[in-house]
Amino acid sequence: MAINVSVGKPTEESTPIKVKVGAKSESPDLTVEFTGEKKEHLEFQLKVRSALNGDLMILDHKDIDIVVQQGNSKVVTFAKEIMSDVVYGAESRLLEFLRKKGVIEYDSIQGGNIYGSLEGTIMKSEIQDPIKATVLNISEWMKSEQPYIQGTTAYEEMQDEELLDPDPSTALGEIPQSPEKGSIQKDTIFAPYIYGRYTY
């Protein structure tokens, strides 16, 4: 006759184990069965800096800086250089992503006290660590932003190359560089467009 013995207490740290022990007449087999919930082990990489007060700063995005405030339980986004429609679009995409994932409160998205910033309040949870869940979802959002970041970076590099090293070929053939072009003379006293006036 088998005896069922439950070992362990169902808490967040431990998992209940069911142990079946056979009688003396039976073969001395020991069966251990894990009956608790399976926990998934997640690994991800994200460049995060810690501020003096413990805030987590994520500065990898091209347009915005992301700060996870552990003391206030908020996610705050700032413009990296100048405020523009591109910056607001990135901030809005992040907070909407976190809202749909159930990380920040639905009605908490608003402008911050710094110009061009948006913020949202992280939900409270007794099941999971809210800060860890927030950083994990920000990492997933950063992965989804990589095509946009790579595309805009490649376009800006192409523009810089066009300005710094332009193609000399035109519809009339190759036009090489030269100190002076056309009829405008820059080293004369009288410029063509201000004839009769002295220039200093």
C-alpha atoms as a PDB file:
ATOM      1  CA  MET A   1       0.000   0.000   0.000  1.00  0.00           C
ATOM      2  CA  ALA A   2       1.432   3.370  -1.018  1.00  0.00           C
ATOM      3  CA  ILE A   3       1.652   6.312   1.356  1.00  0.00           C
ATOM      4  CA  ASN A   4       1.393   9.859  -0.012  1.00  0.00           C
ATOM      5  CA  VAL A   5       3.492  12.421   1.802  1.00  0.00           C
ATOM      6  CA  SER A   6       3.450  16.102   0.856  1.00  0.00           C
ATOM      7  CA  VAL A   7       6.695  17.931   1.554  1.00  0.00           C
ATOM      8  CA  GLY A   8       7.039  21.685   1.304  1.00  0.00           C
ATOM      9  CA  LYS A   9       4.733  24.635   1.661  1.00  0.00           C
ATOM     10  CA  PRO A  10       3.300  26.414  -1.398  1.00  0.00           C
ATOM     11  CA  THR A  11       4.973  29.792  -1.127  1.00  0.00           C
ATOM     12  CA  GLU A  12       6.684  32.007  -3.639  1.00  0.00           C
ATOM     13  CA  GLU A  13      10.131  30.597  -2.780  1.00  0.00           C
ATOM     14  CA  SER A  14       9.357  26.862  -2.409  1.00  0.00           C
ATOM     15  CA  THR A  15       7.499  24.350  -4.571  1.00  0.00           C
ATOM     16  CA  PRO A  16       5.338  21.537  -3.127  1.00  0.00           C
ATOM     17  CA  ILE A  17       6.742  18.031  -3.695  1.00  0.00           C
ATOM     18  CA  LYS A  18       4.665  14.874  -3.639  1.00  0.00           C
ATOM     19  CA  VAL A  19       6.562  11.825  -2.386  1.00  0.00           C
ATOM     20  CA  LYS A  20       5.187   8.283  -2.770  1.00  0.00           C
ATOM     21  CA  VAL A  21       6.737   5.635  -0.530  1.00  0.00           C
ATOM     22  CA  GLY A  22       5.875   1.964  -1.125  1.00  0.00           C
ATOM     23  CA  ALA A  23       5.168  -0.648   1.570  1.00  0.00           C
ATOM     24  CA  LYS A  24       7.791  -3.197   2.702  1.00  0.00           C
ATOM     25  CA  SER A  25       6.324  -5.921   0.514  1.00  0.00           C
ATOM     26  CA  GLU A  26       6.682  -3.793  -2.577  1.00  0.00           C
ATOM     27  CA  SER A  27       9.887  -2.843  -4.333  1.00  0.00           C
ATOM     28  CA  PRO A  28      11.696   0.044  -2.612  1.00  0.00           C
ATOM     29  CA  ASP A  29      11.028   2.577  -5.355  1.00  0.00           C
ATOM     30  CA  LEU A  30      10.882   6.278  -4.544  1.00  0.00           C
ATOM     31  CA  THR A  31       8.936   8.561  -6.835  1.00  0.00           C
ATOM     32  CA  VAL A  32       9.264  12.342  -6.566  1.00  0.00           C
ATOM     33  CA  GLU A  33       6.749  14.455  -8.419  1.00  0.00           C
ATOM     34  CA  PHE A  34       6.933  18.263  -8.699  1.00  0.00           C
ATOM     35  CA  THR A  35       3.410  19.613  -8.564  1.00  0.00           C
ATOM     36  CA  GLY A  36       4.151  23.341  -8.344  1.00  0.00           C
ATOM     37  CA  GLU A  37       3.973  25.872 -11.162  1.00  0.00           C
ATOM     38  CA  LYS A  38       6.827  25.888 -13.630  1.00  0.00           C
ATOM     39  CA  LYS A  39       8.791  29.143 -13.538  1.00  0.00           C
ATOM     40  CA  GLU A  40      10.257  30.409 -16.791  1.00  0.00           C
ATOM     41  CA  HIS A  41      13.835  31.661 -16.658  1.00  0.00           C
ATOM     42  CA  LEU A  42      14.240  34.799 -18.778  1.00  0.00           C
ATOM     43  CA  GLU A  43      17.523  36.294 -19.891  1.00  0.00           C
ATOM     44  CA  PHE A  44      17.924  39.647 -21.654  1.00  0.00           C
ATOM     45  CA  GLN A  45      20.588  42.283 -22.110  1.00  0.00           C
ATOM     46  CA  LEU A  46      20.020  45.990 -21.653  1.00  0.00           C
ATOM     47  CA  LYS A  47      22.465  48.792 -20.983  1.00  0.00           C
ATOM     48  CA  VAL A  48      21.276  50.277 -17.692  1.00  0.00           C
ATOM     49  CA  ARG A  49      22.960  52.832 -15.459  1.00  0.00           C
ATOM     50  CA  SER A  50      22.108  53.435 -11.846  1.00  0.00           C
ATOM     51  CA  ALA A  51      21.737  56.953 -10.505  1.00  0.00           C
ATOM     52  CA  LEU A  52      22.804  57.975  -6.988  1.00  0.00           C
ATOM     53  CA  ASN A  53      19.222  57.677  -5.734  1.00  0.00           C
ATOM     54  CA  GLY A  54      18.751  54.215  -7.279  1.00  0.00           C
ATOM     55  CA  ASP A  55      16.886  55.265 -10.422  1.00  0.00           C
ATOM     56  CA  LEU A  56      17.593  53.103 -13.484  1.00  0.00           C
ATOM     57  CA  MET A  57      18.655  55.088 -16.556  1.00  0.00           C
ATOM     58  CA  ILE A  58      18.385  53.555 -20.046  1.00  0.00           C
ATOM     59  CA  LEU A  59      20.173  55.767 -22.560  1.00  0.00           C
ATOM     60  CA  ASP A  60      20.430  53.418 -25.566  1.00  0.00           C
ATOM     61  CA  HIS A  61      17.590  54.857 -27.639  1.00  0.00           C
ATOM     62  CA  LYS A  62      18.437  57.265 -30.421  1.00  0.00           C
ATOM     63  CA  ASP A  63      15.834  59.931 -29.608  1.00  0.00           C
ATOM     64  CA  ILE A  64      14.901  59.602 -25.930  1.00  0.00           C
ATOM     65  CA  ASP A  65      16.332  58.763 -22.499  1.00  0.00           C
ATOM     66  CA  ILE A  66      14.304  56.449 -20.241  1.00  0.00           C
ATOM     67  CA  VAL A  67      14.398  56.630 -16.436  1.00  0.00           C
ATOM     68  CA  VAL A  68      12.719  54.066 -14.176  1.00  0.00           C
ATOM     69  CA  GLN A  69      12.180  55.786 -10.831  1.00  0.00           C
ATOM     70  CA  GLN A  70      12.123  53.090  -8.167  1.00  0.00           C
ATOM     71  CA  GLY A  71      11.183  55.448  -5.350  1.00  0.00           C
ATOM     72  CA  ASN A  72       8.194  56.990  -7.154  1.00  0.00           C
ATOM     73  CA  SER A  73       7.338  53.848  -9.199  1.00  0.00           C
ATOM     74  CA  LYS A  74       7.300  55.837 -12.433  1.00  0.00           C
ATOM     75  CA  VAL A  75       8.664  55.567 -15.957  1.00  0.00           C
ATOM     76  CA  VAL A  76       9.804  58.980 -17.224  1.00  0.00           C
ATOM     77  CA  THR A  77      11.067  59.707 -20.740  1.00  0.00           C
ATOM     78  CA  PHE A  78      13.132  62.738 -21.760  1.00  0.00           C
ATOM     79  CA  ALA A  79      14.181  64.193 -25.100  1.00  0.00           C
ATOM     80  CA  LYS A  80      17.796  63.301 -25.802  1.00  0.00           C
ATOM     81  CA  GLU A  81      18.738  66.551 -27.593  1.00  0.00           C
ATOM     82  CA  ILE A  82      15.883  68.704 -28.865  1.00  0.00           C
ATOM     83  CA  MET A  83      12.129  68.255 -28.667  1.00  0.00           C
ATOM     84  CA  SER A  84      10.446  67.314 -31.943  1.00  0.00           C
ATOM     85  CA  ASP A  85       7.628  65.199 -33.333  1.00  0.00           C
ATOM     86  CA  VAL A  86      10.061  62.292 -33.637  1.00  0.00           C
ATOM     87  CA  VAL A  87      10.880  62.490 -29.920  1.00  0.00           C
ATOM     88  CA  TYR A  88       7.227  62.666 -28.894  1.00  0.00           C
ATOM     89  CA  GLY A  89       6.456  59.704 -31.149  1.00  0.00           C
ATOM     90  CA  ALA A  90       9.112  57.560 -29.448  1.00  0.00           C
ATOM     91  CA  GLU A  91       7.918  58.560 -25.970  1.00  0.00           C
ATOM     92  CA  SER A  92       4.312  57.836 -26.863  1.00  0.00           C
ATOM     93  CA  ARG A  93       5.180  54.454 -28.402  1.00  0.00           C
ATOM     94  CA  LEU A  94       7.024  53.360 -25.255  1.00  0.00           C
ATOM     95  CA  LEU A  95       4.315  54.352 -22.788  1.00  0.00           C
ATOM     96  CA  GLU A  96       1.560  52.896 -24.964  1.00  0.00           C
ATOM     97  CA  PHE A  97       3.551  49.656 -25.195  1.00  0.00           C
ATOM     98  CA  LEU A  98       3.890  49.498 -21.412  1.00  0.00           C
ATOM     99  CA  ARG A  99       0.204  50.336 -20.975  1.00  0.00           C
ATOM    100  CA  LYS A 100      -0.880  47.517 -23.289  1.00  0.00           C
ATOM    101  CA  LYS A 101       1.442  45.103 -21.487  1.00  0.00           C
ATOM    102  CA  GLY A 102      -0.222  45.963 -18.171  1.00  0.00           C
ATOM    103  CA  VAL A 103       2.861  47.540 -16.623  1.00  0.00           C
ATOM    104  CA  ILE A 104       1.756  51.145 -16.104  1.00  0.00           C
ATOM    105  CA  GLU A 105      -1.633  52.434 -15.054  1.00  0.00           C
ATOM    106  CA  TYR A 106      -3.978  53.230 -17.909  1.00  0.00           C
ATOM    107  CA  ASP A 107      -4.837  56.799 -16.914  1.00  0.00           C
ATOM    108  CA  SER A 108      -1.399  57.834 -15.628  1.00  0.00           C
ATOM    109  CA  ILE A 109       0.276  58.822 -18.918  1.00  0.00           C
ATOM    110  CA  GLN A 110       0.892  62.579 -18.809  1.00  0.00           C
ATOM    111  CA  GLY A 111       3.455  65.263 -19.426  1.00  0.00           C
ATOM    112  CA  GLY A 112       6.199  65.627 -16.849  1.00  0.00           C
ATOM    113  CA  ASN A 113       7.421  68.761 -15.091  1.00  0.00           C
ATOM    114  CA  ILE A 114      10.329  68.994 -17.574  1.00  0.00           C
ATOM    115  CA  TYR A 115       9.660  70.295 -21.078  1.00  0.00           C
ATOM    116  CA  GLY A 116       9.224  67.479 -23.590  1.00  0.00           C
ATOM    117  CA  SER A 117       8.959  64.663 -21.038  1.00  0.00           C
ATOM    118  CA  LEU A 118       6.236  62.037 -20.634  1.00  0.00           C
ATOM    119  CA  GLU A 119       5.675  59.826 -17.624  1.00  0.00           C
ATOM    120  CA  GLY A 120       3.519  56.948 -16.415  1.00  0.00           C
ATOM    121  CA  THR A 121       2.946  55.302 -13.031  1.00  0.00           C
ATOM    122  CA  ILE A 122       3.976  51.658 -12.601  1.00  0.00           C
ATOM    123  CA  MET A 123       1.237  49.370 -11.301  1.00  0.00           C
ATOM    124  CA  LYS A 124       1.590  47.774  -7.875  1.00  0.00           C
ATOM    125  CA  SER A 125       1.837  43.987  -7.782  1.00  0.00           C
ATOM    126  CA  GLU A 126       2.059  41.295  -5.128  1.00  0.00           C
ATOM    127  CA  ILE A 127       2.755  38.583  -7.708  1.00  0.00           C
ATOM    128  CA  GLN A 128       5.874  39.897  -9.422  1.00  0.00           C
ATOM    129  CA  ASP A 129       8.488  42.570  -8.844  1.00  0.00           C
ATOM    130  CA  PRO A 130       7.090  45.664 -10.641  1.00  0.00           C
ATOM    131  CA  ILE A 131      10.532  47.170 -11.353  1.00  0.00           C
ATOM    132  CA  LYS A 132      11.904  43.959 -12.869  1.00  0.00           C
ATOM    133  CA  ALA A 133       8.768  43.529 -14.984  1.00  0.00           C
ATOM    134  CA  THR A 134       9.089  47.133 -16.182  1.00  0.00           C
ATOM    135  CA  VAL A 135      12.744  46.739 -17.193  1.00  0.00           C
ATOM    136  CA  LEU A 136      11.937  43.466 -18.987  1.00  0.00           C
ATOM    137  CA  ASN A 137       9.169  45.082 -21.039  1.00  0.00           C
ATOM    138  CA  ILE A 138      11.358  48.093 -21.845  1.00  0.00           C
ATOM    139  CA  SER A 139      13.946  45.623 -23.165  1.00  0.00           C
ATOM    140  CA  GLU A 140      11.299  44.058 -25.425  1.00  0.00           C
ATOM    141  CA  TRP A 141      10.294  47.514 -26.671  1.00  0.00           C
ATOM    142  CA  MET A 142      13.914  48.383 -27.409  1.00  0.00           C
ATOM    143  CA  LYS A 143      14.181  45.245 -29.567  1.00  0.00           C
ATOM    144  CA  SER A 144      11.130  46.342 -31.545  1.00  0.00           C
ATOM    145  CA  GLU A 145      12.705  49.785 -32.058  1.00  0.00           C
ATOM    146  CA  GLN A 146      15.939  48.449 -33.594  1.00  0.00           C
ATOM    147  CA  PRO A 147      14.707  48.555 -37.242  1.00  0.00           C
ATOM    148  CA  TYR A 148      13.678  52.196 -36.786  1.00  0.00           C
ATOM    149  CA  ILE A 149      16.978  53.129 -35.122  1.00  0.00           C
ATOM    150  CA  GLN A 150      19.078  51.359 -37.750  1.00  0.00           C
ATOM    151  CA  GLY A 151      17.076  52.896 -40.600  1.00  0.00           C
ATOM    152  CA  THR A 152      17.294  56.478 -39.374  1.00  0.00           C
ATOM    153  CA  THR A 153      20.993  56.098 -38.513  1.00  0.00           C
ATOM    154  CA  ALA A 154      21.778  54.763 -42.000  1.00  0.00           C
ATOM    155  CA  TYR A 155      19.814  57.626 -43.597  1.00  0.00           C
ATOM    156  CA  GLU A 156      21.710  60.259 -41.583  1.00  0.00           C
ATOM    157  CA  GLU A 157      25.041  58.648 -42.479  1.00  0.00           C
ATOM    158  CA  MET A 158      24.028  58.704 -46.149  1.00  0.00           C
ATOM    159  CA  GLN A 159      23.188  62.417 -45.899  1.00  0.00           C
ATOM    160  CA  ASP A 160      26.540  63.182 -44.236  1.00  0.00           C
ATOM    161  CA  GLU A 161      28.385  61.264 -46.923  1.00  0.00           C
ATOM    162  CA  GLU A 162      26.490  63.146 -49.632  1.00  0.00           C
ATOM    163  CA  LEU A 163      27.537  66.488 -48.123  1.00  0.00           C
ATOM    164  CA  LEU A 164      31.143  65.620 -47.274  1.00  0.00           C
ATOM    165  CA  ASP A 165      31.984  63.493 -50.309  1.00  0.00           C
ATOM    166  CA  PRO A 166      29.501  64.322 -53.087  1.00  0.00           C
ATOM    167  CA  ASP A 167      29.414  62.481 -56.381  1.00  0.00           C
ATOM    168  CA  PRO A 168      31.005  64.763 -59.050  1.00  0.00           C
ATOM    169  CA  SER A 169      29.076  63.180 -61.911  1.00  0.00           C
ATOM    170  CA  THR A 170      26.097  65.153 -63.224  1.00  0.00           C
ATOM    171  CA  ALA A 171      23.878  65.086 -66.295  1.00  0.00           C
ATOM    172  CA  LEU A 172      26.528  67.201 -68.084  1.00  0.00           C
ATOM    173  CA  GLY A 173      29.377  64.927 -67.040  1.00  0.00           C
ATOM    174  CA  GLU A 174      31.828  65.098 -64.152  1.00  0.00           C
ATOM    175  CA  ILE A 175      32.357  68.544 -62.653  1.00  0.00           C
ATOM    176  CA  PRO A 176      35.496  68.574 -60.487  1.00  0.00           C
ATOM    177  CA  GLN A 177      35.966  70.758 -57.432  1.00  0.00           C
ATOM    178  CA  SER A 178      37.570  74.175 -57.875  1.00  0.00           C
ATOM    179  CA  PRO A 179      38.113  77.244 -55.636  1.00  0.00           C
ATOM    180  CA  GLU A 180      35.759  79.426 -57.712  1.00  0.00           C
ATOM    181  CA  LYS A 181      32.525  78.572 -59.481  1.00  0.00           C
ATOM    182  CA  GLY A 182      30.472  80.678 -61.847  1.00  0.00           C
ATOM    183  CA  SER A 183      30.682  84.473 -62.148  1.00  0.00           C
ATOM    184  CA  ILE A 184      30.624  85.398 -58.455  1.00  0.00           C
ATOM    185  CA  GLN A 185      34.058  86.607 -57.405  1.00  0.00           C
ATOM    186  CA  LYS A 186      34.690  86.540 -53.687  1.00  0.00           C
ATOM    187  CA  ASP A 187      38.142  88.185 -53.562  1.00  0.00           C
ATOM    188  CA  THR A 188      37.352  91.528 -55.228  1.00  0.00           C
ATOM    189  CA  ILE A 189      36.595  94.881 -53.599  1.00  0.00           C
ATOM    190  CA  PHE A 190      33.326  95.304 -55.507  1.00  0.00           C
ATOM    191  CA  ALA A 191      31.027  92.291 -55.327  1.00  0.00           C
ATOM    192  CA  PRO A 192      28.688  91.847 -58.289  1.00  0.00           C
ATOM    193  CA  TYR A 193      25.505  92.280 -56.250  1.00  0.00           C
ATOM    194  CA  ILE A 194      26.553  95.352 -54.251  1.00  0.00           C
ATOM    195  CA  TYR A 195      28.324  97.324 -56.997  1.00  0.00           C
ATOM    196  CA  GLY A 196      29.331 100.791 -55.883  1.00  0.00           C
ATOM    197  CA  ARG A 197      29.648  99.928 -52.181  1.00  0.00           C
ATOM    198  CA  TYR A 198      32.815  99.171 -50.304  1.00  0.00           C
ATOM    199  CA  THR A 199      33.116  95.858 -48.536  1.00  0.00           C
ATOM    200  CA  TYR A 200      35.379  95.296 -45.577  1.00  0.00           C
END
